[in-house]
PDB file of N, CA and C in Angstrom:
ATOM      1  N   MET A   1     -59.871 -58.378   8.921  1.00  0.00           N
ATOM      2  CA  MET A   1     -60.323 -59.313   9.908  1.00  0.00           C
ATOM      3  C   MET A   1     -59.374 -59.329  11.089  1.00  0.00           C
ATOM      4  N   VAL A   2     -58.085 -59.293  10.839  1.00  0.00           N
ATOM      5  CA  VAL A   2     -57.105 -59.426  11.907  1.00  0.00           C
ATOM      6  C   VAL A   2     -57.175 -58.262  12.903  1.00  0.00           C
ATOM      7  N   PRO A   3     -57.312 -57.014  12.464  1.00  0.00           N
ATOM      8  CA  PRO A   3     -57.425 -55.946  13.470  1.00  0.00           C
ATOM      9  C   PRO A   3     -58.650 -56.089  14.373  1.00  0.00           C
ATOM     10  N   PHE A   4     -59.756 -56.569  13.833  1.00  0.00           N
ATOM     11  CA  PHE A   4     -60.935 -56.778  14.669  1.00  0.00           C
ATOM     12  C   PHE A   4     -60.686 -57.880  15.685  1.00  0.00           C
ATOM     13  N   LEU A   5     -60.022 -58.932  15.259  1.00  0.00           N
ATOM     14  CA  LEU A   5     -59.676 -60.020  16.172  1.00  0.00           C
ATOM     15  C   LEU A   5     -58.700 -59.535  17.237  1.00  0.00           C
ATOM     16  N   ALA A   6     -57.710 -58.749  16.835  1.00  0.00           N
ATOM     17  CA  ALA A   6     -56.736 -58.229  17.794  1.00  0.00           C
ATOM     18  C   ALA A   6     -57.412 -57.324  18.808  1.00  0.00           C
ATOM     19  N   ARG A   7     -58.323 -56.478  18.358  1.00  0.00           N
ATOM     20  CA  ARG A   7     -59.028 -55.598  19.288  1.00  0.00           C
ATOM     21  C   ARG A   7     -59.892 -56.386  20.260  1.00  0.00           C
ATOM     22  N   ALA A   8     -60.480 -57.480  19.791  1.00  0.00           N
ATOM     23  CA  ALA A   8     -61.271 -58.318  20.691  1.00  0.00           C
ATOM     24  C   ALA A   8     -60.383 -59.008  21.728  1.00  0.00           C
ATOM     25  N   LEU A   9     -59.143 -59.300  21.356  1.00  0.00           N
ATOM     26  CA  LEU A   9     -58.234 -59.987  22.273  1.00  0.00           C
ATOM     27  C   LEU A   9     -57.611 -59.057  23.309  1.00  0.00           C
ATOM     28  N   VAL A  10     -57.199 -57.851  22.905  1.00  0.00           N
ATOM     29  CA  VAL A  10     -56.428 -56.996  23.807  1.00  0.00           C
ATOM     30  C   VAL A  10     -57.142 -55.732  24.249  1.00  0.00           C
ATOM     31  N   GLY A  11     -58.280 -55.408  23.702  1.00  0.00           N
ATOM     32  CA  GLY A  11     -58.988 -54.207  24.114  1.00  0.00           C
ATOM     33  C   GLY A  11     -58.708 -53.029  23.200  1.00  0.00           C
ATOM     34  N   PRO A  12     -59.066 -51.831  23.644  1.00  0.00           N
ATOM     35  CA  PRO A  12     -59.009 -50.663  22.759  1.00  0.00           C
ATOM     36  C   PRO A  12     -57.649 -49.966  22.665  1.00  0.00           C
ATOM     37  N   ASP A  13     -56.645 -50.387  23.415  1.00  0.00           N
ATOM     38  CA  ASP A  13     -55.336 -49.730  23.373  1.00  0.00           C
ATOM     39  C   ASP A  13     -54.695 -49.962  22.009  1.00  0.00           C
ATOM     40  N   LEU A  14     -54.518 -48.862  21.247  1.00  0.00           N
ATOM     41  CA  LEU A  14     -54.056 -48.985  19.866  1.00  0.00           C
ATOM     42  C   LEU A  14     -52.641 -49.541  19.749  1.00  0.00           C
ATOM     43  N   ARG A  15     -51.784 -49.250  20.723  1.00  0.00           N
ATOM     44  CA  ARG A  15     -50.418 -49.791  20.674  1.00  0.00           C
ATOM     45  C   ARG A  15     -50.438 -51.308  20.773  1.00  0.00           C
ATOM     46  N   ARG A  16     -51.257 -51.816  21.664  1.00  0.00           N
ATOM     47  CA  ARG A  16     -51.363 -53.275  21.799  1.00  0.00           C
ATOM     48  C   ARG A  16     -52.045 -53.900  20.582  1.00  0.00           C
ATOM     49  N   VAL A  17     -53.082 -53.229  20.081  1.00  0.00           N
ATOM     50  CA  VAL A  17     -53.776 -53.732  18.890  1.00  0.00           C
ATOM     51  C   VAL A  17     -52.808 -53.830  17.717  1.00  0.00           C
ATOM     52  N   LEU A  18     -51.982 -52.806  17.533  1.00  0.00           N
ATOM     53  CA  LEU A  18     -51.018 -52.821  16.438  1.00  0.00           C
ATOM     54  C   LEU A  18     -50.003 -53.944  16.605  1.00  0.00           C
ATOM     55  N   ALA A  19     -49.506 -54.128  17.816  1.00  0.00           N
ATOM     56  CA  ALA A  19     -48.528 -55.187  18.057  1.00  0.00           C
ATOM     57  C   ALA A  19     -49.118 -56.579  17.807  1.00  0.00           C
ATOM     58  N   VAL A  20     -50.329 -56.794  18.270  1.00  0.00           N
ATOM     59  CA  VAL A  20     -50.970 -58.098  18.071  1.00  0.00           C
ATOM     60  C   VAL A  20     -51.325 -58.297  16.602  1.00  0.00           C
ATOM     61  N   THR A  21     -51.726 -57.235  15.927  1.00  0.00           N
ATOM     62  CA  THR A  21     -52.043 -57.323  14.502  1.00  0.00           C
ATOM     63  C   THR A  21     -50.813 -57.701  13.688  1.00  0.00           C
ATOM     64  N   VAL A  22     -49.663 -57.120  14.049  1.00  0.00           N
ATOM     65  CA  VAL A  22     -48.421 -57.437  13.341  1.00  0.00           C
ATOM     66  C   VAL A  22     -48.067 -58.913  13.506  1.00  0.00           C
ATOM     67  N   LEU A  23     -48.408 -59.500  14.625  1.00  0.00           N
ATOM     68  CA  LEU A  23     -48.121 -60.921  14.848  1.00  0.00           C
ATOM     69  C   LEU A  23     -49.196 -61.838  14.256  1.00  0.00           C
ATOM     70  N   LEU A  24     -50.452 -61.439  14.362  1.00  0.00           N
ATOM     71  CA  LEU A  24     -51.539 -62.299  13.885  1.00  0.00           C
ATOM     72  C   LEU A  24     -51.722 -62.288  12.370  1.00  0.00           C
ATOM     73  N   GLY A  25     -51.413 -61.180  11.716  1.00  0.00           N
ATOM     74  CA  GLY A  25     -51.600 -61.067  10.268  1.00  0.00           C
ATOM     75  C   GLY A  25     -50.869 -62.148   9.494  1.00  0.00           C
ATOM     76  N   PRO A  26     -49.558 -62.264   9.670  1.00  0.00           N
ATOM     77  CA  PRO A  26     -48.833 -63.330   8.967  1.00  0.00           C
ATOM     78  C   PRO A  26     -49.275 -64.730   9.382  1.00  0.00           C
ATOM     79  N   ALA A  27     -49.683 -64.894  10.633  1.00  0.00           N
ATOM     80  CA  ALA A  27     -50.139 -66.213  11.089  1.00  0.00           C
ATOM     81  C   ALA A  27     -51.417 -66.624  10.363  1.00  0.00           C
ATOM     82  N   VAL A  28     -52.322 -65.685  10.172  1.00  0.00           N
ATOM     83  CA  VAL A  28     -53.573 -65.984   9.461  1.00  0.00           C
ATOM     84  C   VAL A  28     -53.284 -66.320   8.004  1.00  0.00           C
ATOM     85  N   VAL A  29     -52.396 -65.574   7.373  1.00  0.00           N
ATOM     86  CA  VAL A  29     -52.044 -65.847   5.973  1.00  0.00           C
ATOM     87  C   VAL A  29     -51.350 -67.205   5.858  1.00  0.00           C
ATOM     88  N   LEU A  30     -50.498 -67.534   6.809  1.00  0.00           N
ATOM     89  CA  LEU A  30     -49.824 -68.834   6.787  1.00  0.00           C
ATOM     90  C   LEU A  30     -50.817 -69.984   6.922  1.00  0.00           C
ATOM     91  N   VAL A  31     -51.767 -69.846   7.834  1.00  0.00           N
ATOM     92  CA  VAL A  31     -52.794 -70.886   8.001  1.00  0.00           C
ATOM     93  C   VAL A  31     -53.643 -70.992   6.737  1.00  0.00           C
ATOM     94  N   ALA A  32     -54.015 -69.864   6.152  1.00  0.00           N
ATOM     95  CA  ALA A  32     -54.805 -69.887   4.916  1.00  0.00           C
ATOM     96  C   ALA A  32     -54.017 -70.536   3.783  1.00  0.00           C
ATOM     97  N   ASP A  33     -52.711 -70.304   3.723  1.00  0.00           N
ATOM     98  CA  ASP A  33     -51.882 -70.918   2.696  1.00  0.00           C
ATOM     99  C   ASP A  33     -51.843 -72.434   2.856  1.00  0.00           C
ATOM    100  N   VAL A  34     -51.675 -72.896   4.077  1.00  0.00           N
ATOM    101  CA  VAL A  34     -51.653 -74.347   4.317  1.00  0.00           C
ATOM    102  C   VAL A  34     -53.004 -74.959   3.959  1.00  0.00           C
ATOM    103  N   VAL A  35     -54.085 -74.296   4.352  1.00  0.00           N
ATOM    104  CA  VAL A  35     -55.421 -74.805   4.020  1.00  0.00           C
ATOM    105  C   VAL A  35     -55.626 -74.824   2.512  1.00  0.00           C
ATOM    106  N   SER A  36     -55.171 -73.787   1.808  1.00  0.00           N
ATOM    107  CA  SER A  36     -55.357 -73.743   0.358  1.00  0.00           C
ATOM    108  C   SER A  36     -54.581 -74.852  -0.345  1.00  0.00           C
ATOM    109  N   ARG A  37     -53.455 -75.255   0.213  1.00  0.00           N
ATOM    110  CA  ARG A  37     -52.680 -76.342  -0.395  1.00  0.00           C
ATOM    111  C   ARG A  37     -53.270 -77.710  -0.093  1.00  0.00           C
ATOM    112  N   LEU A  38     -53.941 -77.858   1.045  1.00  0.00           N
ATOM    113  CA  LEU A  38     -54.464 -79.162   1.449  1.00  0.00           C
ATOM    114  C   LEU A  38     -55.903 -79.405   1.029  1.00  0.00           C
ATOM    115  N   LEU A  39     -56.645 -78.353   0.738  1.00  0.00           N
ATOM    116  CA  LEU A  39     -58.077 -78.484   0.494  1.00  0.00           C
ATOM    117  C   LEU A  39     -58.405 -79.238  -0.791  1.00  0.00           C
ATOM    118  N   VAL A  40     -57.740 -78.937  -1.867  1.00  0.00           N
ATOM    119  CA  VAL A  40     -58.033 -79.573  -3.158  1.00  0.00           C
ATOM    120  C   VAL A  40     -56.767 -80.211  -3.715  1.00  0.00           C
ATOM    121  N   ARG A  41     -56.213 -81.113  -2.971  1.00  0.00           N
ATOM    122  CA  ARG A  41     -54.996 -81.791  -3.404  1.00  0.00           C
ATOM    123  C   ARG A  41     -55.221 -82.554  -4.670  1.00  0.00           C
ATOM    124  N   PRO A  42     -54.382 -82.666  -5.586  1.00  0.00           N
ATOM    125  CA  PRO A  42     -52.998 -82.230  -5.719  1.00  0.00           C
ATOM    126  C   PRO A  42     -52.882 -80.817  -6.273  1.00  0.00           C
ATOM    127  N   TYR A  43     -54.002 -80.102  -6.420  1.00  0.00           N
ATOM    128  CA  TYR A  43     -53.969 -78.739  -6.944  1.00  0.00           C
ATOM    129  C   TYR A  43     -53.885 -77.761  -5.779  1.00  0.00           C
ATOM    130  N   GLU A  44     -53.725 -76.493  -6.111  1.00  0.00           N
ATOM    131  CA  GLU A  44     -53.727 -75.450  -5.097  1.00  0.00           C
ATOM    132  C   GLU A  44     -54.878 -74.496  -5.367  1.00  0.00           C
ATOM    133  N   MET A  45     -55.604 -74.193  -4.326  1.00  0.00           N
ATOM    134  CA  MET A  45     -56.644 -73.183  -4.418  1.00  0.00           C
ATOM    135  C   MET A  45     -55.979 -71.820  -4.215  1.00  0.00           C
ATOM    136  N   PRO A  46     -56.410 -70.795  -4.927  1.00  0.00           N
ATOM    137  CA  PRO A  46     -55.808 -69.478  -4.719  1.00  0.00           C
ATOM    138  C   PRO A  46     -55.975 -69.007  -3.262  1.00  0.00           C
ATOM    139  N   LEU A  47     -54.943 -68.384  -2.757  1.00  0.00           N
ATOM    140  CA  LEU A  47     -54.938 -67.941  -1.369  1.00  0.00           C
ATOM    141  C   LEU A  47     -56.040 -66.919  -1.102  1.00  0.00           C
ATOM    142  N   GLY A  48     -56.334 -66.095  -2.075  1.00  0.00           N
ATOM    143  CA  GLY A  48     -57.383 -65.094  -1.916  1.00  0.00           C
ATOM    144  C   GLY A  48     -58.753 -65.705  -1.692  1.00  0.00           C
ATOM    145  N   VAL A  49     -59.000 -66.876  -2.272  1.00  0.00           N
ATOM    146  CA  VAL A  49     -60.285 -67.552  -2.076  1.00  0.00           C
ATOM    147  C   VAL A  49     -60.426 -67.989  -0.628  1.00  0.00           C
ATOM    148  N   VAL A  50     -59.364 -68.559  -0.088  1.00  0.00           N
ATOM    149  CA  VAL A  50     -59.413 -69.042   1.299  1.00  0.00           C
ATOM    150  C   VAL A  50     -59.543 -67.871   2.269  1.00  0.00           C
ATOM    151  N   THR A  51     -58.778 -66.806   2.060  1.00  0.00           N
ATOM    152  CA  THR A  51     -58.887 -65.659   2.952  1.00  0.00           C
ATOM    153  C   THR A  51     -60.261 -64.996   2.840  1.00  0.00           C
ATOM    154  N   ALA A  52     -60.852 -65.009   1.651  1.00  0.00           N
ATOM    155  CA  ALA A  52     -62.203 -64.469   1.495  1.00  0.00           C
ATOM    156  C   ALA A  52     -63.225 -65.336   2.216  1.00  0.00           C
ATOM    157  N   LEU A  53     -63.043 -66.653   2.176  1.00  0.00           N
ATOM    158  CA  LEU A  53     -63.957 -67.546   2.895  1.00  0.00           C
ATOM    159  C   LEU A  53     -63.856 -67.357   4.400  1.00  0.00           C
ATOM    160  N   ILE A  54     -62.693 -66.959   4.879  1.00  0.00           N
ATOM    161  CA  ILE A  54     -62.532 -66.673   6.303  1.00  0.00           C
ATOM    162  C   ILE A  54     -63.026 -65.259   6.618  1.00  0.00           C
ATOM    163  N   GLY A  55     -62.668 -64.303   5.784  1.00  0.00           N
ATOM    164  CA  GLY A  55     -62.953 -62.907   6.075  1.00  0.00           C
ATOM    165  C   GLY A  55     -64.383 -62.469   5.839  1.00  0.00           C
ATOM    166  N   ALA A  56     -65.076 -63.075   4.906  1.00  0.00           N
ATOM    167  CA  ALA A  56     -66.445 -62.651   4.596  1.00  0.00           C
ATOM    168  C   ALA A  56     -67.395 -62.841   5.782  1.00  0.00           C
ATOM    169  N   PRO A  57     -67.386 -63.986   6.463  1.00  0.00           N
ATOM    170  CA  PRO A  57     -68.258 -64.099   7.643  1.00  0.00           C
ATOM    171  C   PRO A  57     -67.887 -63.116   8.756  1.00  0.00           C
ATOM    172  N   VAL A  58     -66.605 -62.828   8.883  1.00  0.00           N
ATOM    173  CA  VAL A  58     -66.180 -61.852   9.897  1.00  0.00           C
ATOM    174  C   VAL A  58     -66.705 -60.469   9.527  1.00  0.00           C
ATOM    175  N   LEU A  59     -66.614 -60.103   8.261  1.00  0.00           N
ATOM    176  CA  LEU A  59     -67.135 -58.814   7.807  1.00  0.00           C
ATOM    177  C   LEU A  59     -68.631 -58.709   8.059  1.00  0.00           C
ATOM    178  N   VAL A  60     -69.374 -59.743   7.750  1.00  0.00           N
ATOM    179  CA  VAL A  60     -70.820 -59.732   7.982  1.00  0.00           C
ATOM    180  C   VAL A  60     -71.114 -59.575   9.470  1.00  0.00           C
ATOM    181  N   ALA A  61     -70.368 -60.264  10.323  1.00  0.00           N
ATOM    182  CA  ALA A  61     -70.575 -60.158  11.770  1.00  0.00           C
ATOM    183  C   ALA A  61     -70.264 -58.755  12.270  1.00  0.00           C
ATOM    184  N   VAL A  62     -69.208 -58.145  11.752  1.00  0.00           N
ATOM    185  CA  VAL A  62     -68.853 -56.783  12.182  1.00  0.00           C
ATOM    186  C   VAL A  62     -69.909 -55.792  11.719  1.00  0.00           C
ATOM    187  N   VAL A  63     -70.383 -55.924  10.504  1.00  0.00           N
ATOM    188  CA  VAL A  63     -71.396 -55.004   9.990  1.00  0.00           C
ATOM    189  C   VAL A  63     -72.700 -55.149  10.773  1.00  0.00           C
ATOM    190  N   ARG A  64     -73.057 -56.366  11.096  1.00  0.00           N
ATOM    191  CA  ARG A  64     -74.287 -56.577  11.859  1.00  0.00           C
ATOM    192  C   ARG A  64     -74.178 -56.073  13.292  1.00  0.00           C
ATOM    193  N   SER A  65     -72.975 -56.101  13.847  1.00  0.00           N
ATOM    194  CA  SER A  65     -72.825 -55.696  15.243  1.00  0.00           C
ATOM    195  C   SER A  65     -72.733 -54.187  15.418  1.00  0.00           C
ATOM    196  N   THR A  66     -72.379 -53.457  14.370  1.00  0.00           N
ATOM    197  CA  THR A  66     -72.299 -52.003  14.486  1.00  0.00           C
ATOM    198  C   THR A  66     -73.668 -51.398  14.331  1.00  0.00           C
ATOM    199  N   ARG A  67     -73.937 -50.424  15.154  1.00  0.00           N
ATOM    200  CA  ARG A  67     -75.240 -49.775  15.114  1.00  0.00           C
ATOM    201  C   ARG A  67     -75.225 -48.660  14.081  1.00  0.00           C
ATOM    202  N   MET A  68     -76.264 -48.596  13.318  1.00  0.00           N
ATOM    203  CA  MET A  68     -76.409 -47.544  12.315  1.00  0.00           C
ATOM    204  C   MET A  68     -77.069 -46.336  12.988  1.00  0.00           C
ATOM    205  N   PRO A  69     -76.582 -45.147  12.727  1.00  0.00           N
ATOM    206  CA  PRO A  69     -77.217 -43.961  13.313  1.00  0.00           C
ATOM    207  C   PRO A  69     -78.593 -43.714  12.704  1.00  0.00           C
ATOM    208  N   ALA A  70     -79.464 -43.185  13.507  1.00  0.00           N
ATOM    209  CA  ALA A  70     -80.824 -42.889  13.036  1.00  0.00           C
ATOM    210  C   ALA A  70     -80.784 -41.706  12.070  1.00  0.00           C
ATOM    211  N   LEU A  71     -81.597 -41.776  11.036  1.00  0.00           N
ATOM    212  CA  LEU A  71     -81.630 -40.684  10.041  1.00  0.00           C
ATOM    213  C   LEU A  71     -82.577 -39.610  10.443  1.00  0.00           C
TER     214      LEU A  71
END
């Protein structure tokens, strides 16, 4: 999800995409960790569940936006 977001923010230049991805990746995981700790207090939801809830809609949007070649 993060590389797609980075590419949308900075364009197709791979050097910039990589730099933004390196910064955004940990930020997304940190936000997901905080959400997983606060969502079902006093318990913790697994971090993978929260990242999947964020990433699955992004994956569906990316798949729908890409054009399939004609057979």
